């Protein structure tokens, strides 16, 4: 019985750690996506090229790696931002997409 309880406790701890890493990654990607999508259009691509993990994120996730793309097509200008890190099990990068608000226009919003 003690062996089963110990094994179960260890597995629950691993699941908790994996869930915590996923939560941290989601927070990091959503925060960075909000920051990038609020930039002027002409600064977004350069910002995506310069993405790197902060020291805090490096302390929380194992080998975090950023990547991102600026897309502008019939759906409108948007940013696809990905964060990958070393996990205990294989996984896909966490990806979020955010549309860029065009703040460069001088038009008044319609009521």
PDB file of N, CA and C in Angstrom:
ATOM      1  N   UNK A   1       0.830  -1.201   0.000  1.00  0.00           N
ATOM      2  CA  UNK A   1       0.000   0.000   0.000  1.00  0.00           C
ATOM      3  C   UNK A   1       0.873   1.264   0.000  1.00  0.00           C
ATOM      4  N   UNK A   2       1.948   1.237   0.812  1.00  0.00           N
ATOM      5  CA  UNK A   2       2.843   2.405   0.860  1.00  0.00           C
ATOM      6  C   UNK A   2       3.509   2.642  -0.492  1.00  0.00           C
ATOM      7  N   UNK A   3       3.842   1.576  -1.189  1.00  0.00           N
ATOM      8  CA  UNK A   3       4.465   1.704  -2.502  1.00  0.00           C
ATOM      9  C   UNK A   3       3.508   2.367  -3.490  1.00  0.00           C
ATOM     10  N   UNK A   4       2.250   1.962  -3.458  1.00  0.00           N
ATOM     11  CA  UNK A   4       1.249   2.546  -4.347  1.00  0.00           C
ATOM     12  C   UNK A   4       1.034   4.014  -4.015  1.00  0.00           C
ATOM     13  N   UNK A   5       0.921   4.338  -2.754  1.00  0.00           N
ATOM     14  CA  UNK A   5       0.701   5.728  -2.335  1.00  0.00           C
ATOM     15  C   UNK A   5       1.895   6.594  -2.717  1.00  0.00           C
ATOM     16  N   UNK A   6       3.099   6.089  -2.507  1.00  0.00           N
ATOM     17  CA  UNK A   6       4.304   6.847  -2.854  1.00  0.00           C
ATOM     18  C   UNK A   6       4.378   7.081  -4.362  1.00  0.00           C
ATOM     19  N   UNK A   7       4.121   6.039  -5.143  1.00  0.00           N
ATOM     20  CA  UNK A   7       4.149   6.159  -6.599  1.00  0.00           C
ATOM     21  C   UNK A   7       3.085   7.147  -7.077  1.00  0.00           C
ATOM     22  N   UNK A   8       1.907   7.051  -6.530  1.00  0.00           N
ATOM     23  CA  UNK A   8       0.822   7.951  -6.905  1.00  0.00           C
ATOM     24  C   UNK A   8       1.144   9.396  -6.538  1.00  0.00           C
ATOM     25  N   UNK A   9       1.714   9.591  -5.369  1.00  0.00           N
ATOM     26  CA  UNK A   9       2.096  10.937  -4.931  1.00  0.00           C
ATOM     27  C   UNK A   9       3.148  11.530  -5.868  1.00  0.00           C
ATOM     28  N   UNK A  10       4.113  10.722  -6.266  1.00  0.00           N
ATOM     29  CA  UNK A  10       5.155  11.182  -7.179  1.00  0.00           C
ATOM     30  C   UNK A  10       4.554  11.575  -8.526  1.00  0.00           C
ATOM     31  N   UNK A  11       3.660  10.768  -9.052  1.00  0.00           N
ATOM     32  CA  UNK A  11       3.028  11.072 -10.344  1.00  0.00           C
ATOM     33  C   UNK A  11       2.151  12.323 -10.266  1.00  0.00           C
ATOM     34  N   UNK A  12       1.443  12.480  -9.189  1.00  0.00           N
ATOM     35  CA  UNK A  12       0.615  13.677  -9.007  1.00  0.00           C
ATOM     36  C   UNK A  12       1.509  14.915  -8.967  1.00  0.00           C
ATOM     37  N   UNK A  13       2.643  14.816  -8.308  1.00  0.00           N
ATOM     38  CA  UNK A  13       3.581  15.935  -8.251  1.00  0.00           C
ATOM     39  C   UNK A  13       4.087  16.290  -9.662  1.00  0.00           C
ATOM     40  N   UNK A  14       4.392  15.282 -10.478  1.00  0.00           N
ATOM     41  CA  UNK A  14       4.842  15.531 -11.849  1.00  0.00           C
ATOM     42  C   UNK A  14       3.753  16.212 -12.678  1.00  0.00           C
ATOM     43  N   UNK A  15       2.525  15.743 -12.549  1.00  0.00           N
ATOM     44  CA  UNK A  15       1.413  16.363 -13.277  1.00  0.00           C
ATOM     45  C   UNK A  15       1.247  17.804 -12.822  1.00  0.00           C
ATOM     46  N   UNK A  16       1.378  18.061 -11.536  1.00  0.00           N
ATOM     47  CA  UNK A  16       1.263  19.417 -11.002  1.00  0.00           C
ATOM     48  C   UNK A  16       2.361  20.316 -11.589  1.00  0.00           C
ATOM     49  N   UNK A  17       3.585  19.801 -11.680  1.00  0.00           N
ATOM     50  CA  UNK A  17       4.683  20.581 -12.258  1.00  0.00           C
ATOM     51  C   UNK A  17       4.423  20.873 -13.737  1.00  0.00           C
ATOM     52  N   UNK A  18       3.964  19.877 -14.489  1.00  0.00           N
ATOM     53  CA  UNK A  18       3.659  20.079 -15.907  1.00  0.00           C
ATOM     54  C   UNK A  18       2.556  21.116 -16.100  1.00  0.00           C
ATOM     55  N   UNK A  19       1.532  21.040 -15.262  1.00  0.00           N
ATOM     56  CA  UNK A  19       0.426  21.994 -15.334  1.00  0.00           C
ATOM     57  C   UNK A  19       0.906  23.395 -14.989  1.00  0.00           C
ATOM     58  N   UNK A  20       1.761  23.507 -14.020  1.00  0.00           N
ATOM     59  CA  UNK A  20       2.299  24.810 -13.622  1.00  0.00           C
ATOM     60  C   UNK A  20       3.149  25.410 -14.744  1.00  0.00           C
ATOM     61  N   UNK A  21       3.951  24.583 -15.422  1.00  0.00           N
ATOM     62  CA  UNK A  21       4.741  25.080 -16.547  1.00  0.00           C
ATOM     63  C   UNK A  21       3.838  25.556 -17.678  1.00  0.00           C
ATOM     64  N   UNK A  22       2.771  24.831 -17.953  1.00  0.00           N
ATOM     65  CA  UNK A  22       1.826  25.229 -19.003  1.00  0.00           C
ATOM     66  C   UNK A  22       1.165  26.560 -18.638  1.00  0.00           C
ATOM     67  N   UNK A  23       0.815  26.733 -17.370  1.00  0.00           N
ATOM     68  CA  UNK A  23       0.202  27.988 -16.904  1.00  0.00           C
ATOM     69  C   UNK A  23       1.176  29.152 -17.058  1.00  0.00           C
ATOM     70  N   UNK A  24       2.418  28.945 -16.683  1.00  0.00           N
ATOM     71  CA  UNK A  24       3.441  29.991 -16.804  1.00  0.00           C
ATOM     72  C   UNK A  24       3.653  30.354 -18.274  1.00  0.00           C
ATOM     73  N   UNK A  25       3.726  29.353 -19.137  1.00  0.00           N
ATOM     74  CA  UNK A  25       3.918  29.602 -20.571  1.00  0.00           C
ATOM     75  C   UNK A  25       2.734  30.360 -21.157  1.00  0.00           C
ATOM     76  N   UNK A  26       1.526  30.002 -20.756  1.00  0.00           N
ATOM     77  CA  UNK A  26       0.330  30.697 -21.249  1.00  0.00           C
ATOM     78  C   UNK A  26       0.355  32.159 -20.818  1.00  0.00           C
ATOM     79  N   UNK A  27       0.708  32.402 -19.585  1.00  0.00           N
ATOM     80  CA  UNK A  27       0.811  33.776 -19.079  1.00  0.00           C
ATOM     81  C   UNK A  27       1.858  34.562 -19.871  1.00  0.00           C
ATOM     82  N   UNK A  28       3.034  33.944 -20.107  1.00  0.00           N
ATOM     83  CA  UNK A  28       4.119  34.629 -20.809  1.00  0.00           C
ATOM     84  C   UNK A  28       3.722  34.958 -22.252  1.00  0.00           C
ATOM     85  N   UNK A  29       3.116  33.999 -22.949  1.00  0.00           N
ATOM     86  CA  UNK A  29       2.742  34.221 -24.345  1.00  0.00           C
ATOM     87  C   UNK A  29       1.640  35.273 -24.449  1.00  0.00           C
ATOM     88  N   UNK A  30       0.646  35.198 -23.581  1.00  0.00           N
ATOM     89  CA  UNK A  30      -0.446  36.181 -23.664  1.00  0.00           C
ATOM     90  C   UNK A  30       0.048  37.590 -23.329  1.00  0.00           C
ATOM     91  N   UNK A  31       0.943  37.706 -22.366  1.00  0.00           N
ATOM     92  CA  UNK A  31       1.494  39.029 -22.025  1.00  0.00           C
ATOM     93  C   UNK A  31       2.323  39.594 -23.166  1.00  0.00           C
ATOM     94  N   UNK A  32       3.183  38.760 -23.746  1.00  0.00           N
ATOM     95  CA  UNK A  32       4.034  39.210 -24.841  1.00  0.00           C
ATOM     96  C   UNK A  32       3.202  39.522 -26.081  1.00  0.00           C
ATOM     97  N   UNK A  33       2.171  38.728 -26.332  1.00  0.00           N
ATOM     98  CA  UNK A  33       1.297  38.967 -27.482  1.00  0.00           C
ATOM     99  C   UNK A  33       0.562  40.296 -27.325  1.00  0.00           C
ATOM    100  N   UNK A  34       0.096  40.590 -26.138  1.00  0.00           N
ATOM    101  CA  UNK A  34      -0.581  41.862 -25.891  1.00  0.00           C
ATOM    102  C   UNK A  34       0.370  43.035 -26.132  1.00  0.00           C
ATOM    103  N   UNK A  35       1.612  42.888 -25.684  1.00  0.00           N
ATOM    104  CA  UNK A  35       2.603  43.953 -25.870  1.00  0.00           C
ATOM    105  C   UNK A  35       2.896  44.164 -27.354  1.00  0.00           C
ATOM    106  N   UNK A  36       3.109  43.067 -28.083  1.00  0.00           N
ATOM    107  CA  UNK A  36       3.493  43.173 -29.493  1.00  0.00           C
ATOM    108  C   UNK A  36       2.349  43.690 -30.351  1.00  0.00           C
ATOM    109  N   UNK A  37       1.135  43.233 -30.102  1.00  0.00           N
ATOM    110  CA  UNK A  37       0.012  43.677 -30.939  1.00  0.00           C
ATOM    111  C   UNK A  37      -0.363  45.126 -30.688  1.00  0.00           C
ATOM    112  N   UNK A  38       0.143  45.725 -29.638  1.00  0.00           N
ATOM    113  CA  UNK A  38      -0.140  47.140 -29.398  1.00  0.00           C
ATOM    114  C   UNK A  38       0.912  48.051 -30.041  1.00  0.00           C
ATOM    115  N   UNK A  39       1.951  47.465 -30.623  1.00  0.00           N
ATOM    116  CA  UNK A  39       2.994  48.253 -31.283  1.00  0.00           C
ATOM    117  C   UNK A  39       2.507  48.753 -32.643  1.00  0.00           C
ATOM    118  N   UNK A  40       3.123  49.817 -33.163  1.00  0.00           N
ATOM    119  CA  UNK A  40       2.825  50.243 -34.538  1.00  0.00           C
ATOM    120  C   UNK A  40       3.218  49.133 -35.516  1.00  0.00           C
ATOM    121  N   UNK A  41       2.496  49.048 -36.626  1.00  0.00           N
ATOM    122  CA  UNK A  41       2.725  47.978 -37.603  1.00  0.00           C
ATOM    123  C   UNK A  41       4.168  47.886 -38.064  1.00  0.00           C
ATOM    124  N   UNK A  42       4.821  49.026 -38.255  1.00  0.00           N
ATOM    125  CA  UNK A  42       6.185  49.012 -38.787  1.00  0.00           C
ATOM    126  C   UNK A  42       7.231  48.528 -37.779  1.00  0.00           C
ATOM    127  N   UNK A  43       6.863  48.354 -36.508  1.00  0.00           N
ATOM    128  CA  UNK A  43       7.811  47.888 -35.492  1.00  0.00           C
ATOM    129  C   UNK A  43       7.638  46.407 -35.151  1.00  0.00           C
ATOM    130  N   UNK A  44       6.554  45.810 -35.599  1.00  0.00           N
ATOM    131  CA  UNK A  44       6.224  44.453 -35.157  1.00  0.00           C
ATOM    132  C   UNK A  44       7.227  43.416 -35.657  1.00  0.00           C
ATOM    133  N   UNK A  45       7.554  43.437 -36.937  1.00  0.00           N
ATOM    134  CA  UNK A  45       8.459  42.413 -37.479  1.00  0.00           C
ATOM    135  C   UNK A  45       9.838  42.475 -36.832  1.00  0.00           C
ATOM    136  N   UNK A  46      10.353  43.677 -36.604  1.00  0.00           N
ATOM    137  CA  UNK A  46      11.658  43.809 -35.951  1.00  0.00           C
ATOM    138  C   UNK A  46      11.595  43.280 -34.520  1.00  0.00           C
ATOM    139  N   UNK A  47      10.490  43.538 -33.836  1.00  0.00           N
ATOM    140  CA  UNK A  47      10.320  43.052 -32.472  1.00  0.00           C
ATOM    141  C   UNK A  47      10.270  41.530 -32.441  1.00  0.00           C
ATOM    142  N   UNK A  48       9.584  40.922 -33.413  1.00  0.00           N
ATOM    143  CA  UNK A  48       9.515  39.461 -33.481  1.00  0.00           C
ATOM    144  C   UNK A  48      10.884  38.846 -33.727  1.00  0.00           C
ATOM    145  N   UNK A  49      11.712  39.513 -34.517  1.00  0.00           N
ATOM    146  CA  UNK A  49      13.059  39.007 -34.796  1.00  0.00           C
ATOM    147  C   UNK A  49      13.960  39.067 -33.561  1.00  0.00           C
ATOM    148  N   UNK A  50      13.656  39.975 -32.637  1.00  0.00           N
ATOM    149  CA  UNK A  50      14.500  40.182 -31.455  1.00  0.00           C
ATOM    150  C   UNK A  50      13.975  39.480 -30.204  1.00  0.00           C
ATOM    151  N   UNK A  51      12.960  38.648 -30.348  1.00  0.00           N
ATOM    152  CA  UNK A  51      12.385  37.972 -29.183  1.00  0.00           C
ATOM    153  C   UNK A  51      13.397  37.073 -28.491  1.00  0.00           C
ATOM    154  N   UNK A  52      13.497  37.198 -27.194  1.00  0.00           N
ATOM    155  CA  UNK A  52      14.278  36.248 -26.411  1.00  0.00           C
ATOM    156  C   UNK A  52      13.688  36.161 -25.008  1.00  0.00           C
ATOM    157  N   UNK A  53      13.895  35.029 -24.396  1.00  0.00           N
ATOM    158  CA  UNK A  53      13.310  34.766 -23.084  1.00  0.00           C
ATOM    159  C   UNK A  53      13.988  35.614 -22.012  1.00  0.00           C
ATOM    160  N   UNK A  54      13.174  36.164 -21.132  1.00  0.00           N
ATOM    161  CA  UNK A  54      13.715  36.937 -20.018  1.00  0.00           C
ATOM    162  C   UNK A  54      14.390  35.989 -19.022  1.00  0.00           C
ATOM    163  N   UNK A  55      15.188  36.562 -18.136  1.00  0.00           N
ATOM    164  CA  UNK A  55      15.856  35.757 -17.114  1.00  0.00           C
ATOM    165  C   UNK A  55      14.826  35.071 -16.213  1.00  0.00           C
ATOM    166  N   UNK A  56      13.744  35.790 -15.908  1.00  0.00           N
ATOM    167  CA  UNK A  56      12.684  35.213 -15.079  1.00  0.00           C
ATOM    168  C   UNK A  56      12.063  33.994 -15.759  1.00  0.00           C
ATOM    169  N   UNK A  57      11.772  34.108 -17.049  1.00  0.00           N
ATOM    170  CA  UNK A  57      11.176  32.992 -17.780  1.00  0.00           C
ATOM    171  C   UNK A  57      12.158  31.829 -17.877  1.00  0.00           C
ATOM    172  N   UNK A  58      13.434  32.117 -18.041  1.00  0.00           N
ATOM    173  CA  UNK A  58      14.442  31.061 -18.087  1.00  0.00           C
ATOM    174  C   UNK A  58      14.530  30.317 -16.756  1.00  0.00           C
ATOM    175  N   UNK A  59      14.257  31.017 -15.663  1.00  0.00           N
ATOM    176  CA  UNK A  59      14.264  30.376 -14.350  1.00  0.00           C
ATOM    177  C   UNK A  59      13.026  29.507 -14.135  1.00  0.00           C
ATOM    178  N   UNK A  60      11.932  29.838 -14.808  1.00  0.00           N
ATOM    179  CA  UNK A  60      10.676  29.122 -14.597  1.00  0.00           C
ATOM    180  C   UNK A  60      10.457  27.965 -15.566  1.00  0.00           C
ATOM    181  N   UNK A  61      11.009  28.085 -16.783  1.00  0.00           N
ATOM    182  CA  UNK A  61      10.865  27.040 -17.803  1.00  0.00           C
ATOM    183  C   UNK A  61      12.249  26.596 -18.249  1.00  0.00           C
ATOM    184  N   UNK A  62      12.368  25.348 -18.628  1.00  0.00           N
ATOM    185  CA  UNK A  62      13.649  24.810 -19.067  1.00  0.00           C
ATOM    186  C   UNK A  62      13.879  25.121 -20.547  1.00  0.00           C
ATOM    187  N   UNK A  63      14.900  25.898 -20.835  1.00  0.00           N
ATOM    188  CA  UNK A  63      15.286  26.279 -22.207  1.00  0.00           C
ATOM    189  C   UNK A  63      14.128  26.834 -23.033  1.00  0.00           C
ATOM    190  N   UNK A  64      13.514  27.925 -22.594  1.00  0.00           N
ATOM    191  CA  UNK A  64      12.414  28.497 -23.385  1.00  0.00           C
ATOM    192  C   UNK A  64      12.916  29.108 -24.685  1.00  0.00           C
ATOM    193  N   UNK A  65      12.147  28.914 -25.758  1.00  0.00           N
ATOM    194  CA  UNK A  65      12.497  29.461 -27.073  1.00  0.00           C
ATOM    195  C   UNK A  65      11.270  30.125 -27.676  1.00  0.00           C
ATOM    196  N   UNK A  66      11.409  31.398 -28.038  1.00  0.00           N
ATOM    197  CA  UNK A  66      10.338  32.169 -28.672  1.00  0.00           C
ATOM    198  C   UNK A  66      10.439  32.074 -30.179  1.00  0.00           C
ATOM    199  N   UNK A  67       9.312  32.134 -30.835  1.00  0.00           N
ATOM    200  CA  UNK A  67       9.262  32.344 -32.279  1.00  0.00           C
ATOM    201  C   UNK A  67       7.936  33.024 -32.590  1.00  0.00           C
ATOM    202  N   UNK A  68       7.914  33.748 -33.684  1.00  0.00           N
ATOM    203  CA  UNK A  68       6.685  34.452 -34.029  1.00  0.00           C
ATOM    204  C   UNK A  68       6.670  34.867 -35.482  1.00  0.00           C
ATOM    205  N   UNK A  69       5.465  35.060 -35.999  1.00  0.00           N
ATOM    206  CA  UNK A  69       5.276  35.475 -37.382  1.00  0.00           C
ATOM    207  C   UNK A  69       4.271  36.617 -37.430  1.00  0.00           C
ATOM    208  N   UNK A  70       4.528  37.550 -38.347  1.00  0.00           N
ATOM    209  CA  UNK A  70       3.561  38.602 -38.633  1.00  0.00           C
ATOM    210  C   UNK A  70       2.843  38.204 -39.905  1.00  0.00           C
ATOM    211  N   UNK A  71       1.539  38.110 -39.848  1.00  0.00           N
ATOM    212  CA  UNK A  71       0.718  37.697 -40.982  1.00  0.00           C
ATOM    213  C   UNK A  71      -0.201  38.839 -41.365  1.00  0.00           C
ATOM    214  N   UNK A  72      -0.301  39.115 -42.645  1.00  0.00           N
ATOM    215  CA  UNK A  72      -1.201  40.163 -43.111  1.00  0.00           C
ATOM    216  C   UNK A  72      -1.857  39.680 -44.402  1.00  0.00           C
ATOM    217  N   UNK A  73      -3.100  39.245 -44.290  1.00  0.00           N
ATOM    218  CA  UNK A  73      -3.830  38.732 -45.443  1.00  0.00           C
ATOM    219  C   UNK A  73      -5.285  39.172 -45.338  1.00  0.00           C
ATOM    220  N   UNK A  74      -6.183  38.440 -45.990  1.00  0.00           N
ATOM    221  CA  UNK A  74      -7.596  38.843 -45.999  1.00  0.00           C
ATOM    222  C   UNK A  74      -8.223  38.820 -44.601  1.00  0.00           C
ATOM    223  N   UNK A  75      -7.607  38.132 -43.654  1.00  0.00           N
ATOM    224  CA  UNK A  75      -8.123  38.118 -42.287  1.00  0.00           C
ATOM    225  C   UNK A  75      -7.655  39.328 -41.470  1.00  0.00           C
ATOM    226  N   UNK A  76      -6.709  40.064 -42.011  1.00  0.00           N
ATOM    227  CA  UNK A  76      -6.200  41.252 -41.332  1.00  0.00           C
ATOM    228  C   UNK A  76      -4.827  41.008 -40.732  1.00  0.00           C
ATOM    229  N   UNK A  77      -4.186  42.072 -40.269  1.00  0.00           N
ATOM    230  CA  UNK A  77      -2.848  41.932 -39.690  1.00  0.00           C
ATOM    231  C   UNK A  77      -2.920  41.256 -38.324  1.00  0.00           C
ATOM    232  N   UNK A  78      -2.079  40.242 -38.153  1.00  0.00           N
ATOM    233  CA  UNK A  78      -2.079  39.517 -36.887  1.00  0.00           C
ATOM    234  C   UNK A  78      -0.701  38.947 -36.603  1.00  0.00           C
ATOM    235  N   UNK A  79      -0.502  38.591 -35.366  1.00  0.00           N
ATOM    236  CA  UNK A  79       0.766  38.026 -34.908  1.00  0.00           C
ATOM    237  C   UNK A  79       0.498  36.621 -34.376  1.00  0.00           C
ATOM    238  N   UNK A  80       1.291  35.659 -34.838  1.00  0.00           N
ATOM    239  CA  UNK A  80       1.263  34.301 -34.293  1.00  0.00           C
ATOM    240  C   UNK A  80       2.530  34.146 -33.459  1.00  0.00           C
ATOM    241  N   UNK A  81       2.358  33.924 -32.178  1.00  0.00           N
ATOM    242  CA  UNK A  81       3.481  33.873 -31.242  1.00  0.00           C
ATOM    243  C   UNK A  81       3.550  32.485 -30.616  1.00  0.00           C
ATOM    244  N   UNK A  82       4.750  31.899 -30.595  1.00  0.00           N
ATOM    245  CA  UNK A  82       4.939  30.554 -30.067  1.00  0.00           C
ATOM    246  C   UNK A  82       6.025  30.540 -29.001  1.00  0.00           C
ATOM    247  N   UNK A  83       5.811  29.707 -27.997  1.00  0.00           N
ATOM    248  CA  UNK A  83       6.813  29.484 -26.957  1.00  0.00           C
ATOM    249  C   UNK A  83       6.967  27.986 -26.785  1.00  0.00           C
ATOM    250  N   UNK A  84       8.198  27.535 -26.883  1.00  0.00           N
ATOM    251  CA  UNK A  84       8.491  26.119 -26.682  1.00  0.00           C
ATOM    252  C   UNK A  84       9.518  26.009 -25.559  1.00  0.00           C
ATOM    253  N   UNK A  85       9.511  24.908 -24.863  1.00  0.00           N
ATOM    254  CA  UNK A  85      10.467  24.659 -23.796  1.00  0.00           C
ATOM    255  C   UNK A  85      10.629  23.154 -23.657  1.00  0.00           C
ATOM    256  N   UNK A  86      11.702  22.745 -22.971  1.00  0.00           N
ATOM    257  CA  UNK A  86      11.930  21.313 -22.754  1.00  0.00           C
ATOM    258  C   UNK A  86      10.963  20.820 -21.702  1.00  0.00           C
ATOM    259  N   UNK A  87      10.251  19.764 -22.076  1.00  0.00           N
ATOM    260  CA  UNK A  87       9.282  19.160 -21.161  1.00  0.00           C
ATOM    261  C   UNK A  87       9.712  17.735 -20.850  1.00  0.00           C
ATOM    262  N   UNK A  88       9.083  17.176 -19.870  1.00  0.00           N
ATOM    263  CA  UNK A  88       9.332  15.783 -19.511  1.00  0.00           C
ATOM    264  C   UNK A  88       8.850  14.854 -20.629  1.00  0.00           C
ATOM    265  N   UNK A  89       7.769  15.240 -21.301  1.00  0.00           N
ATOM    266  CA  UNK A  89       7.190  14.465 -22.389  1.00  0.00           C
ATOM    267  C   UNK A  89       7.163  15.344 -23.631  1.00  0.00           C
ATOM    268  N   UNK A  90       7.228  14.731 -24.813  1.00  0.00           N
ATOM    269  CA  UNK A  90       7.174  15.546 -26.043  1.00  0.00           C
ATOM    270  C   UNK A  90       5.882  16.363 -26.103  1.00  0.00           C
ATOM    271  N   UNK A  91       5.991  17.552 -26.607  1.00  0.00           N
ATOM    272  CA  UNK A  91       4.820  18.412 -26.726  1.00  0.00           C
ATOM    273  C   UNK A  91       5.003  19.405 -27.852  1.00  0.00           C
ATOM    274  N   UNK A  92       3.919  20.053 -28.204  1.00  0.00           N
ATOM    275  CA  UNK A  92       3.980  21.074 -29.240  1.00  0.00           C
ATOM    276  C   UNK A  92       4.132  22.436 -28.574  1.00  0.00           C
ATOM    277  N   UNK A  93       4.722  23.398 -29.288  1.00  0.00           N
ATOM    278  CA  UNK A  93       4.854  24.740 -28.704  1.00  0.00           C
ATOM    279  C   UNK A  93       3.478  25.337 -28.405  1.00  0.00           C
ATOM    280  N   UNK A  94       3.434  26.152 -27.392  1.00  0.00           N
ATOM    281  CA  UNK A  94       2.220  26.881 -27.062  1.00  0.00           C
ATOM    282  C   UNK A  94       2.128  28.045 -28.047  1.00  0.00           C
ATOM    283  N   UNK A  95       1.022  28.170 -28.754  1.00  0.00           N
ATOM    284  CA  UNK A  95       0.870  29.211 -29.771  1.00  0.00           C
ATOM    285  C   UNK A  95      -0.424  29.978 -29.536  1.00  0.00           C
ATOM    286  N   UNK A  96      -0.319  31.290 -29.591  1.00  0.00           N
ATOM    287  CA  UNK A  96      -1.480  32.173 -29.538  1.00  0.00           C
ATOM    288  C   UNK A  96      -1.391  33.140 -30.712  1.00  0.00           C
ATOM    289  N   UNK A  97      -2.550  33.540 -31.214  1.00  0.00           N
ATOM    290  CA  UNK A  97      -2.622  34.481 -32.321  1.00  0.00           C
ATOM    291  C   UNK A  97      -3.428  35.687 -31.865  1.00  0.00           C
ATOM    292  N   UNK A  98      -2.929  36.871 -32.182  1.00  0.00           N
ATOM    293  CA  UNK A  98      -3.627  38.102 -31.827  1.00  0.00           C
ATOM    294  C   UNK A  98      -3.659  39.055 -33.006  1.00  0.00           C
ATOM    295  N   UNK A  99      -4.797  39.683 -33.191  1.00  0.00           N
ATOM    296  CA  UNK A  99      -4.931  40.647 -34.275  1.00  0.00           C
ATOM    297  C   UNK A  99      -4.360  41.983 -33.834  1.00  0.00           C
ATOM    298  N   UNK A 100      -3.731  42.666 -34.779  1.00  0.00           N
ATOM    299  CA  UNK A 100      -3.107  43.953 -34.508  1.00  0.00           C
ATOM    300  C   UNK A 100      -4.148  45.036 -34.742  1.00  0.00           C
ATOM    301  N   UNK A 101      -4.319  45.879 -33.753  1.00  0.00           N
ATOM    302  CA  UNK A 101      -5.226  47.014 -33.902  1.00  0.00           C
ATOM    303  C   UNK A 101      -4.488  48.096 -34.655  1.00  0.00           C
ATOM    304  N   UNK A 102      -5.069  48.553 -35.733  1.00  0.00           N
ATOM    305  CA  UNK A 102      -4.434  49.587 -36.539  1.00  0.00           C
ATOM    306  C   UNK A 102      -4.683  50.937 -35.884  1.00  0.00           C
ATOM    307  N   UNK A 103      -3.717  51.383 -35.102  1.00  0.00           N
ATOM    308  CA  UNK A 103      -3.846  52.653 -34.396  1.00  0.00           C
ATOM    309  C   UNK A 103      -3.321  53.817 -35.217  1.00  0.00           C
ATOM    310  N   UNK A 104      -2.847  53.532 -36.432  1.00  0.00           N
ATOM    311  CA  UNK A 104      -2.293  54.580 -37.286  1.00  0.00           C
ATOM    312  C   UNK A 104      -3.346  55.361 -38.053  1.00  0.00           C
ATOM    313  N   UNK A 105      -4.567  54.871 -38.081  1.00  0.00           N
ATOM    314  CA  UNK A 105      -5.599  55.547 -38.855  1.00  0.00           C
ATOM    315  C   UNK A 105      -6.115  56.767 -38.092  1.00  0.00           C
ATOM    316  N   UNK A 106      -6.497  57.790 -38.866  1.00  0.00           N
ATOM    317  CA  UNK A 106      -7.018  59.016 -38.266  1.00  0.00           C
ATOM    318  C   UNK A 106      -8.543  59.043 -38.232  1.00  0.00           C
ATOM    319  N   UNK A 107      -9.140  57.944 -38.603  1.00  0.00           N
ATOM    320  CA  UNK A 107     -10.593  57.903 -38.640  1.00  0.00           C
ATOM    321  C   UNK A 107     -11.186  57.836 -37.242  1.00  0.00           C
ATOM    322  N   UNK A 108     -12.331  58.475 -37.093  1.00  0.00           N
ATOM    323  CA  UNK A 108     -13.066  58.425 -35.834  1.00  0.00           C
ATOM    324  C   UNK A 108     -13.859  57.125 -35.805  1.00  0.00           C
ATOM    325  N   UNK A 109     -13.894  56.419 -34.674  1.00  0.00           N
ATOM    326  CA  UNK A 109     -14.723  55.229 -34.615  1.00  0.00           C
ATOM    327  C   UNK A 109     -16.194  55.581 -34.725  1.00  0.00           C
ATOM    328  N   UNK A 110     -16.917  54.732 -35.436  1.00  0.00           N
ATOM    329  CA  UNK A 110     -18.361  54.997 -35.599  1.00  0.00           C
ATOM    330  C   UNK A 110     -19.118  54.598 -34.335  1.00  0.00           C
ATOM    331  N   UNK A 111     -20.161  55.352 -33.995  1.00  0.00           N
ATOM    332  CA  UNK A 111     -20.910  55.054 -32.751  1.00  0.00           C
ATOM    333  C   UNK A 111     -21.720  53.809 -32.848  1.00  0.00           C
TER     334      UNK A 111
END
